[in-house]
Amino acid sequence: MATLPSLFISHGAPLLATESHPITKVWRDLGARIGRPQAILVVSAHWETSGLRLTSAAEPATIHDFFGFPEPLYALRYPASGAPDWAQRLSEHVAPHGFAIELDSLRGWDHGVWVPLLHLYPAADIPVLALSLPRGAKPEWLFALGQALRTEGLLIIGSGGATHNLRALGASGPDGGPPPWARAFQEWLHEALVNHRLSDLWNYRHKAPYATQNHPSEEHLLPLFVALGAAGEDGQAHRECAGFLYGSLAMDSYSFDASS
């Protein structure tokens, strides 16, 4: 099988699960272009733990981890199977690289997992695993984790947001577009990724403009570094879509072509 890219998806609001939007069309086209992996692993911003945990249930539940949305959204399910055999293999695969993964047979899939998958692979016929985001993890450590996770046939997805300041939703610039602080961070991130400026990316809190304003907490950007690492030291970044929702929420998604 050809080497799979890895992905970073800005998953936006849960409403994208039911809405037809140019961004969701990009996701569908992207899934079709990649083709069918043997399994999918998603690192979601919405599952933070004290250490690495990996879903191992055969039929994980669809978690509706949000409030105040239209009732039909709570009826949605993503009925793909889990991947307990893959979970065991991956926990063993990364151990020699210094990563300890605890298998979790109870955890289901939060909306950071199933909302983009509804569009990327709507048939829900590929086994799915979710990997937690360890609290306090640093970008460089997550990059190394992505390198260790890289396995033939496995599609690795980081699910979060290129910007994520919920208190600033609705903020716009003088022209009605995104505020300058959000656009500045979006473009800095793009330039750093396509030019593979790893040192700047590790230190984005100090290097990027308005980093803490765009990410008051880090969990929505950190999954990107796992996806970036899965492409290897010389992986190439491609921005699949760019844009903003709700004023300041950047919806940029990237694919990373694996280096040999």
C-alpha atoms as a PDB file:
ATOM      1  CA  MET A   1       0.000   0.000   0.000  1.00  0.00           C
ATOM      2  CA  ALA A   2       1.211   3.554  -0.770  1.00  0.00           C
ATOM      3  CA  THR A   3       2.404   5.579   2.195  1.00  0.00           C
ATOM      4  CA  LEU A   4      -0.504   7.482   3.687  1.00  0.00           C
ATOM      5  CA  PRO A   5      -0.342  11.174   4.495  1.00  0.00           C
ATOM      6  CA  SER A   6      -1.284  12.340   7.967  1.00  0.00           C
ATOM      7  CA  LEU A   7      -3.861  15.060   8.579  1.00  0.00           C
ATOM      8  CA  PHE A   8      -4.584  17.988  10.849  1.00  0.00           C
ATOM      9  CA  ILE A   9      -8.259  18.925  10.814  1.00  0.00           C
ATOM     10  CA  SER A  10      -9.681  22.092  12.349  1.00  0.00           C
ATOM     11  CA  HIS A  11     -12.964  20.482  13.340  1.00  0.00           C
ATOM     12  CA  GLY A  12     -14.882  23.651  14.221  1.00  0.00           C
ATOM     13  CA  ALA A  13     -18.274  23.486  15.882  1.00  0.00           C
ATOM     14  CA  PRO A  14     -20.327  20.274  16.228  1.00  0.00           C
ATOM     15  CA  LEU A  15     -22.904  21.764  13.825  1.00  0.00           C
ATOM     16  CA  LEU A  16     -20.571  20.893  10.947  1.00  0.00           C
ATOM     17  CA  ALA A  17     -21.703  17.301  11.462  1.00  0.00           C
ATOM     18  CA  THR A  18     -25.066  18.162   9.898  1.00  0.00           C
ATOM     19  CA  GLU A  19     -24.362  21.248   7.809  1.00  0.00           C
ATOM     20  CA  SER A  20     -23.381  21.313   4.160  1.00  0.00           C
ATOM     21  CA  HIS A  21     -20.437  23.694   3.997  1.00  0.00           C
ATOM     22  CA  PRO A  22     -17.454  24.273   1.691  1.00  0.00           C
ATOM     23  CA  ILE A  23     -15.198  23.004   4.483  1.00  0.00           C
ATOM     24  CA  THR A  24     -17.064  19.707   4.835  1.00  0.00           C
ATOM     25  CA  LYS A  25     -16.843  19.253   1.059  1.00  0.00           C
ATOM     26  CA  VAL A  26     -13.055  19.605   1.334  1.00  0.00           C
ATOM     27  CA  TRP A  27     -13.084  16.899   4.013  1.00  0.00           C
ATOM     28  CA  ARG A  28     -15.118  14.555   1.813  1.00  0.00           C
ATOM     29  CA  ASP A  29     -12.881  15.153  -1.186  1.00  0.00           C
ATOM     30  CA  LEU A  30      -9.821  14.610   0.990  1.00  0.00           C
ATOM     31  CA  GLY A  31     -11.063  11.249   2.244  1.00  0.00           C
ATOM     32  CA  ALA A  32     -11.818  10.165  -1.315  1.00  0.00           C
ATOM     33  CA  ARG A  33      -8.363  11.226  -2.480  1.00  0.00           C
ATOM     34  CA  ILE A  34      -6.524   9.429   0.320  1.00  0.00           C
ATOM     35  CA  GLY A  35      -8.485   6.243  -0.200  1.00  0.00           C
ATOM     36  CA  ARG A  36      -9.166   3.511   2.278  1.00  0.00           C
ATOM     37  CA  PRO A  37      -6.676   3.007   5.137  1.00  0.00           C
ATOM     38  CA  GLN A  38      -6.682  -0.171   7.188  1.00  0.00           C
ATOM     39  CA  ALA A  39      -7.470   1.804  10.347  1.00  0.00           C
ATOM     40  CA  ILE A  40      -7.760   5.416  11.504  1.00  0.00           C
ATOM     41  CA  LEU A  41      -6.229   6.925  14.644  1.00  0.00           C
ATOM     42  CA  VAL A  42      -7.469  10.324  15.822  1.00  0.00           C
ATOM     43  CA  VAL A  43      -5.820  12.514  18.453  1.00  0.00           C
ATOM     44  CA  SER A  44      -8.582  14.862  19.604  1.00  0.00           C
ATOM     45  CA  ALA A  45      -8.293  18.118  21.532  1.00  0.00           C
ATOM     46  CA  HIS A  46     -11.309  16.985  23.561  1.00  0.00           C
ATOM     47  CA  TRP A  47      -9.676  14.047  25.331  1.00  0.00           C
ATOM     48  CA  GLU A  48      -6.969  15.123  27.744  1.00  0.00           C
ATOM     49  CA  THR A  49      -5.508  12.676  30.269  1.00  0.00           C
ATOM     50  CA  SER A  50      -2.584  12.447  32.657  1.00  0.00           C
ATOM     51  CA  GLY A  51      -0.795   9.997  30.334  1.00  0.00           C
ATOM     52  CA  LEU A  52      -1.326   8.381  26.955  1.00  0.00           C
ATOM     53  CA  ARG A  53      -4.550   6.400  26.655  1.00  0.00           C
ATOM     54  CA  LEU A  54      -5.853   4.586  23.581  1.00  0.00           C
ATOM     55  CA  THR A  55      -9.371   3.307  22.950  1.00  0.00           C
ATOM     56  CA  SER A  56      -9.533  -0.473  22.779  1.00  0.00           C
ATOM     57  CA  ALA A  57     -13.284  -1.173  22.772  1.00  0.00           C
ATOM     58  CA  ALA A  58     -14.671  -3.170  19.860  1.00  0.00           C
ATOM     59  CA  GLU A  59     -17.682  -0.826  19.590  1.00  0.00           C
ATOM     60  CA  PRO A  60     -16.893   2.566  21.141  1.00  0.00           C
ATOM     61  CA  ALA A  61     -19.826   4.870  21.893  1.00  0.00           C
ATOM     62  CA  THR A  62     -20.416   8.159  20.097  1.00  0.00           C
ATOM     63  CA  ILE A  63     -20.017  10.851  22.784  1.00  0.00           C
ATOM     64  CA  HIS A  64     -22.071  14.042  22.494  1.00  0.00           C
ATOM     65  CA  ASP A  65     -19.755  16.204  24.567  1.00  0.00           C
ATOM     66  CA  PHE A  66     -21.470  19.560  23.967  1.00  0.00           C
ATOM     67  CA  PHE A  67     -24.519  21.442  25.195  1.00  0.00           C
ATOM     68  CA  GLY A  68     -27.206  23.697  23.810  1.00  0.00           C
ATOM     69  CA  PHE A  69     -27.208  22.496  20.210  1.00  0.00           C
ATOM     70  CA  PRO A  70     -30.209  21.391  18.097  1.00  0.00           C
ATOM     71  CA  GLU A  71     -31.718  18.086  19.181  1.00  0.00           C
ATOM     72  CA  PRO A  72     -31.029  16.179  15.907  1.00  0.00           C
ATOM     73  CA  LEU A  73     -27.304  16.546  16.580  1.00  0.00           C
ATOM     74  CA  TYR A  74     -27.614  14.364  19.684  1.00  0.00           C
ATOM     75  CA  ALA A  75     -29.162  11.553  17.667  1.00  0.00           C
ATOM     76  CA  LEU A  76     -26.145  11.232  15.377  1.00  0.00           C
ATOM     77  CA  ARG A  77     -23.895   8.203  15.670  1.00  0.00           C
ATOM     78  CA  TYR A  78     -20.692   7.240  13.896  1.00  0.00           C
ATOM     79  CA  PRO A  79     -21.102   3.460  13.781  1.00  0.00           C
ATOM     80  CA  ALA A  80     -17.601   2.391  12.759  1.00  0.00           C
ATOM     81  CA  SER A  81     -16.038  -0.425  14.744  1.00  0.00           C
ATOM     82  CA  GLY A  82     -13.211   0.012  17.196  1.00  0.00           C
ATOM     83  CA  ALA A  83      -9.843  -1.620  16.663  1.00  0.00           C
ATOM     84  CA  PRO A  84      -8.720  -3.573  19.753  1.00  0.00           C
ATOM     85  CA  ASP A  85      -6.139  -5.525  17.748  1.00  0.00           C
ATOM     86  CA  TRP A  86      -4.619  -2.291  16.425  1.00  0.00           C
ATOM     87  CA  ALA A  87      -4.666  -0.818  19.929  1.00  0.00           C
ATOM     88  CA  GLN A  88      -2.568  -3.690  21.242  1.00  0.00           C
ATOM     89  CA  ARG A  89      -0.180  -3.532  18.306  1.00  0.00           C
ATOM     90  CA  LEU A  90       0.342   0.208  18.624  1.00  0.00           C
ATOM     91  CA  SER A  91       0.940   0.100  22.371  1.00  0.00           C
ATOM     92  CA  GLU A  92       3.667  -2.466  21.737  1.00  0.00           C
ATOM     93  CA  HIS A  93       4.998  -0.624  18.689  1.00  0.00           C
ATOM     94  CA  VAL A  94       5.697   2.670  20.503  1.00  0.00           C
ATOM     95  CA  ALA A  95       7.083   1.170  23.722  1.00  0.00           C
ATOM     96  CA  PRO A  96      10.683   0.817  22.414  1.00  0.00           C
ATOM     97  CA  HIS A  97      10.558   4.540  21.572  1.00  0.00           C
ATOM     98  CA  GLY A  98       9.866   5.447  25.198  1.00  0.00           C
ATOM     99  CA  PHE A  99       6.089   5.929  25.020  1.00  0.00           C
ATOM    100  CA  ALA A 100       3.772   4.060  27.379  1.00  0.00           C
ATOM    101  CA  ILE A 101       0.150   3.734  26.250  1.00  0.00           C
ATOM    102  CA  GLU A 102      -2.615   2.507  28.534  1.00  0.00           C
ATOM    103  CA  LEU A 103      -5.515   0.815  26.739  1.00  0.00           C
ATOM    104  CA  ASP A 104      -8.981   2.150  27.579  1.00  0.00           C
ATOM    105  CA  SER A 105     -11.913  -0.175  26.933  1.00  0.00           C
ATOM    106  CA  LEU A 106     -14.553   2.309  28.191  1.00  0.00           C
ATOM    107  CA  ARG A 107     -13.823   5.535  26.344  1.00  0.00           C
ATOM    108  CA  GLY A 108     -15.919   6.401  23.276  1.00  0.00           C
ATOM    109  CA  TRP A 109     -15.372   8.972  20.533  1.00  0.00           C
ATOM    110  CA  ASP A 110     -15.828  12.667  21.324  1.00  0.00           C
ATOM    111  CA  HIS A 111     -16.963  15.115  18.667  1.00  0.00           C
ATOM    112  CA  GLY A 112     -13.367  15.921  17.735  1.00  0.00           C
ATOM    113  CA  VAL A 113     -13.210  12.353  16.432  1.00  0.00           C
ATOM    114  CA  TRP A 114     -16.586  11.705  14.867  1.00  0.00           C
ATOM    115  CA  VAL A 115     -17.548  15.087  13.385  1.00  0.00           C
ATOM    116  CA  PRO A 116     -14.728  15.151  10.799  1.00  0.00           C
ATOM    117  CA  LEU A 117     -14.970  11.390  10.215  1.00  0.00           C
ATOM    118  CA  LEU A 118     -18.635  11.735   9.255  1.00  0.00           C
ATOM    119  CA  HIS A 119     -17.386  13.650   6.218  1.00  0.00           C
ATOM    120  CA  LEU A 120     -13.959  12.123   5.613  1.00  0.00           C
ATOM    121  CA  TYR A 121     -15.296   8.543   5.675  1.00  0.00           C
ATOM    122  CA  PRO A 122     -19.111   8.716   5.759  1.00  0.00           C
ATOM    123  CA  ALA A 123     -19.549   4.962   5.212  1.00  0.00           C
ATOM    124  CA  ALA A 124     -18.094   4.382   8.697  1.00  0.00           C
ATOM    125  CA  ASP A 125     -16.616   1.086   7.523  1.00  0.00           C
ATOM    126  CA  ILE A 126     -13.002   1.582   8.674  1.00  0.00           C
ATOM    127  CA  PRO A 127     -11.923   0.717  12.257  1.00  0.00           C
ATOM    128  CA  VAL A 128     -11.206   3.778  14.398  1.00  0.00           C
ATOM    129  CA  LEU A 129      -9.051   4.418  17.462  1.00  0.00           C
ATOM    130  CA  ALA A 130      -8.827   7.562  19.566  1.00  0.00           C
ATOM    131  CA  LEU A 131      -5.605   8.530  21.331  1.00  0.00           C
ATOM    132  CA  SER A 132      -5.653  10.942  24.249  1.00  0.00           C
ATOM    133  CA  LEU A 133      -3.673  14.147  24.526  1.00  0.00           C
ATOM    134  CA  PRO A 134      -1.435  14.034  27.616  1.00  0.00           C
ATOM    135  CA  ARG A 135      -1.751  17.135  29.780  1.00  0.00           C
ATOM    136  CA  GLY A 136       1.365  19.262  29.674  1.00  0.00           C
ATOM    137  CA  ALA A 137       2.773  17.594  26.567  1.00  0.00           C
ATOM    138  CA  LYS A 138       5.165  19.749  24.568  1.00  0.00           C
ATOM    139  CA  PRO A 139       5.111  20.117  20.769  1.00  0.00           C
ATOM    140  CA  GLU A 140       8.465  18.414  20.248  1.00  0.00           C
ATOM    141  CA  TRP A 141       7.417  15.432  22.406  1.00  0.00           C
ATOM    142  CA  LEU A 142       4.182  15.108  20.429  1.00  0.00           C
ATOM    143  CA  PHE A 143       6.131  15.265  17.168  1.00  0.00           C
ATOM    144  CA  ALA A 144       8.269  12.338  18.383  1.00  0.00           C
ATOM    145  CA  LEU A 145       5.095  10.494  19.370  1.00  0.00           C
ATOM    146  CA  GLY A 146       3.755  10.951  15.842  1.00  0.00           C
ATOM    147  CA  GLN A 147       6.987   9.527  14.454  1.00  0.00           C
ATOM    148  CA  ALA A 148       6.701   6.502  16.732  1.00  0.00           C
ATOM    149  CA  LEU A 149       3.052   5.909  15.812  1.00  0.00           C
ATOM    150  CA  ARG A 150       3.695   5.860  12.070  1.00  0.00           C
ATOM    151  CA  THR A 151       2.598   2.435  10.852  1.00  0.00           C
ATOM    152  CA  GLU A 152       1.781   1.137   7.399  1.00  0.00           C
ATOM    153  CA  GLY A 153      -1.945   1.218   6.711  1.00  0.00           C
ATOM    154  CA  LEU A 154      -2.769   3.597   9.590  1.00  0.00           C
ATOM    155  CA  LEU A 155      -4.199   7.042   8.867  1.00  0.00           C
ATOM    156  CA  ILE A 156      -3.172   9.418  11.672  1.00  0.00           C
ATOM    157  CA  ILE A 157      -5.338  12.506  12.211  1.00  0.00           C
ATOM    158  CA  GLY A 158      -4.845  15.376  14.635  1.00  0.00           C
ATOM    159  CA  SER A 159      -8.194  17.052  15.340  1.00  0.00           C
ATOM    160  CA  GLY A 160      -8.266  20.495  16.890  1.00  0.00           C
ATOM    161  CA  GLY A 161      -8.205  24.053  15.586  1.00  0.00           C
ATOM    162  CA  ALA A 162      -5.748  26.393  13.902  1.00  0.00           C
ATOM    163  CA  THR A 163      -7.098  29.091  16.241  1.00  0.00           C
ATOM    164  CA  HIS A 164      -9.320  28.528  19.254  1.00  0.00           C
ATOM    165  CA  ASN A 165     -10.391  31.406  21.464  1.00  0.00           C
ATOM    166  CA  LEU A 166     -14.030  30.767  22.296  1.00  0.00           C
ATOM    167  CA  ARG A 167     -14.356  34.047  24.179  1.00  0.00           C
ATOM    168  CA  ALA A 168     -13.527  35.887  20.977  1.00  0.00           C
ATOM    169  CA  LEU A 169     -16.076  34.152  18.753  1.00  0.00           C
ATOM    170  CA  GLY A 170     -17.895  36.729  16.703  1.00  0.00           C
ATOM    171  CA  ALA A 171     -14.924  39.098  16.707  1.00  0.00           C
ATOM    172  CA  SER A 172     -14.191  40.581  13.307  1.00  0.00           C
ATOM    173  CA  GLY A 173     -11.860  43.106  11.758  1.00  0.00           C
ATOM    174  CA  PRO A 174     -12.774  46.563  10.434  1.00  0.00           C
ATOM    175  CA  ASP A 175     -13.614  45.064   7.025  1.00  0.00           C
ATOM    176  CA  GLY A 176     -15.937  42.476   8.545  1.00  0.00           C
ATOM    177  CA  GLY A 177     -13.412  39.698   8.032  1.00  0.00           C
ATOM    178  CA  PRO A 178     -11.453  37.890  10.726  1.00  0.00           C
ATOM    179  CA  PRO A 179      -9.677  40.122  13.265  1.00  0.00           C
ATOM    180  CA  PRO A 180      -6.058  40.971  12.419  1.00  0.00           C
ATOM    181  CA  TRP A 181      -4.708  38.986  15.384  1.00  0.00           C
ATOM    182  CA  ALA A 182      -6.379  35.787  14.135  1.00  0.00           C
ATOM    183  CA  ARG A 183      -5.298  36.252  10.535  1.00  0.00           C
ATOM    184  CA  ALA A 184      -1.712  37.013  11.609  1.00  0.00           C
ATOM    185  CA  PHE A 185      -1.469  33.755  13.563  1.00  0.00           C
ATOM    186  CA  GLN A 186      -3.119  31.767  10.775  1.00  0.00           C
ATOM    187  CA  GLU A 187      -0.603  32.972   8.216  1.00  0.00           C
ATOM    188  CA  TRP A 188       2.388  32.570  10.542  1.00  0.00           C
ATOM    189  CA  LEU A 189       1.363  28.966  11.163  1.00  0.00           C
ATOM    190  CA  HIS A 190       0.992  28.326   7.435  1.00  0.00           C
ATOM    191  CA  GLU A 191       4.422  29.754   6.617  1.00  0.00           C
ATOM    192  CA  ALA A 192       6.085  27.835   9.452  1.00  0.00           C
ATOM    193  CA  LEU A 193       4.501  24.557   8.355  1.00  0.00           C
ATOM    194  CA  VAL A 194       5.155  24.777   4.616  1.00  0.00           C
ATOM    195  CA  ASN A 195       8.753  25.912   5.254  1.00  0.00           C
ATOM    196  CA  HIS A 196       9.217  23.192   7.885  1.00  0.00           C
ATOM    197  CA  ARG A 197      10.467  25.591  10.552  1.00  0.00           C
ATOM    198  CA  LEU A 198      10.354  23.012  13.304  1.00  0.00           C
ATOM    199  CA  SER A 199      12.212  25.027  15.928  1.00  0.00           C
ATOM    200  CA  ASP A 200       9.792  27.929  15.487  1.00  0.00           C
ATOM    201  CA  LEU A 201       6.840  25.557  15.703  1.00  0.00           C
ATOM    202  CA  TRP A 202       8.125  23.967  18.930  1.00  0.00           C
ATOM    203  CA  ASN A 203       8.366  27.484  20.367  1.00  0.00           C
ATOM    204  CA  TYR A 204       5.227  28.928  18.791  1.00  0.00           C
ATOM    205  CA  ARG A 205       4.095  30.428  22.132  1.00  0.00           C
ATOM    206  CA  HIS A 206       7.037  32.843  21.857  1.00  0.00           C
ATOM    207  CA  LYS A 207       7.575  32.987  18.086  1.00  0.00           C
ATOM    208  CA  ALA A 208       4.065  33.316  16.639  1.00  0.00           C
ATOM    209  CA  PRO A 209       2.156  36.609  16.673  1.00  0.00           C
ATOM    210  CA  TYR A 210      -0.716  36.704  19.172  1.00  0.00           C
ATOM    211  CA  ALA A 211      -0.143  33.060  20.120  1.00  0.00           C
ATOM    212  CA  THR A 212      -1.822  33.216  23.513  1.00  0.00           C
ATOM    213  CA  GLN A 213      -4.686  35.313  22.167  1.00  0.00           C
ATOM    214  CA  ASN A 214      -5.431  32.672  19.537  1.00  0.00           C
ATOM    215  CA  HIS A 215      -4.793  29.768  21.907  1.00  0.00           C
ATOM    216  CA  PRO A 216      -5.451  30.770  25.530  1.00  0.00           C
ATOM    217  CA  SER A 217      -4.981  27.060  26.222  1.00  0.00           C
ATOM    218  CA  GLU A 218      -3.002  24.780  23.958  1.00  0.00           C
ATOM    219  CA  GLU A 219      -5.111  21.644  23.530  1.00  0.00           C
ATOM    220  CA  HIS A 220      -6.612  22.590  20.159  1.00  0.00           C
ATOM    221  CA  LEU A 221      -3.271  23.176  18.463  1.00  0.00           C
ATOM    222  CA  LEU A 222      -1.275  20.337  20.026  1.00  0.00           C
ATOM    223  CA  PRO A 223      -2.823  17.504  17.931  1.00  0.00           C
ATOM    224  CA  LEU A 224      -1.206  19.158  14.909  1.00  0.00           C
ATOM    225  CA  PHE A 225       2.233  18.139  16.150  1.00  0.00           C
ATOM    226  CA  VAL A 226       1.341  14.443  16.262  1.00  0.00           C
ATOM    227  CA  ALA A 227       0.155  14.608  12.648  1.00  0.00           C
ATOM    228  CA  LEU A 228       3.244  16.551  11.640  1.00  0.00           C
ATOM    229  CA  GLY A 229       5.526  14.009  13.312  1.00  0.00           C
ATOM    230  CA  ALA A 230       3.756  11.104  11.610  1.00  0.00           C
ATOM    231  CA  ALA A 231       5.004  12.454   8.278  1.00  0.00           C
ATOM    232  CA  GLY A 232       8.630  12.167   9.386  1.00  0.00           C
ATOM    233  CA  GLU A 233      11.509  14.596   9.672  1.00  0.00           C
ATOM    234  CA  ASP A 234      11.121  15.856   6.115  1.00  0.00           C
ATOM    235  CA  GLY A 235       7.345  15.611   5.718  1.00  0.00           C
ATOM    236  CA  GLN A 236       5.756  18.208   3.446  1.00  0.00           C
ATOM    237  CA  ALA A 237       2.770  20.289   4.564  1.00  0.00           C
ATOM    238  CA  HIS A 238      -0.118  21.143   2.223  1.00  0.00           C
ATOM    239  CA  ARG A 239      -2.951  23.425   3.287  1.00  0.00           C
ATOM    240  CA  GLU A 240      -6.142  21.741   2.115  1.00  0.00           C
ATOM    241  CA  CYS A 241      -8.474  24.556   3.124  1.00  0.00           C
ATOM    242  CA  ALA A 242      -8.321  27.918   4.856  1.00  0.00           C
ATOM    243  CA  GLY A 243     -11.001  30.197   6.183  1.00  0.00           C
ATOM    244  CA  PHE A 244     -12.780  31.414   9.280  1.00  0.00           C
ATOM    245  CA  LEU A 245     -16.054  30.652  11.019  1.00  0.00           C
ATOM    246  CA  TYR A 246     -17.691  32.821  13.671  1.00  0.00           C
ATOM    247  CA  GLY A 247     -15.221  35.613  12.995  1.00  0.00           C
ATOM    248  CA  SER A 248     -12.019  34.373  14.586  1.00  0.00           C
ATOM    249  CA  LEU A 249     -12.166  30.557  14.377  1.00  0.00           C
ATOM    250  CA  ALA A 250      -9.644  29.485  11.725  1.00  0.00           C
ATOM    251  CA  MET A 251     -10.726  26.307   9.948  1.00  0.00           C
ATOM    252  CA  ASP A 252      -7.435  25.519   8.195  1.00  0.00           C
ATOM    253  CA  SER A 253      -6.753  21.834   7.576  1.00  0.00           C
ATOM    254  CA  TYR A 254      -3.464  20.314   6.436  1.00  0.00           C
ATOM    255  CA  SER A 255      -2.197  17.119   4.936  1.00  0.00           C
ATOM    256  CA  PHE A 256       1.388  16.040   5.546  1.00  0.00           C
ATOM    257  CA  ASP A 257       3.060  13.847   2.947  1.00  0.00           C
ATOM    258  CA  ALA A 258       5.266  11.293   4.628  1.00  0.00           C
ATOM    259  CA  SER A 259       8.990  11.424   3.993  1.00  0.00           C
ATOM    260  CA  SER A 260      10.645   8.188   2.955  1.00  0.00           C
END
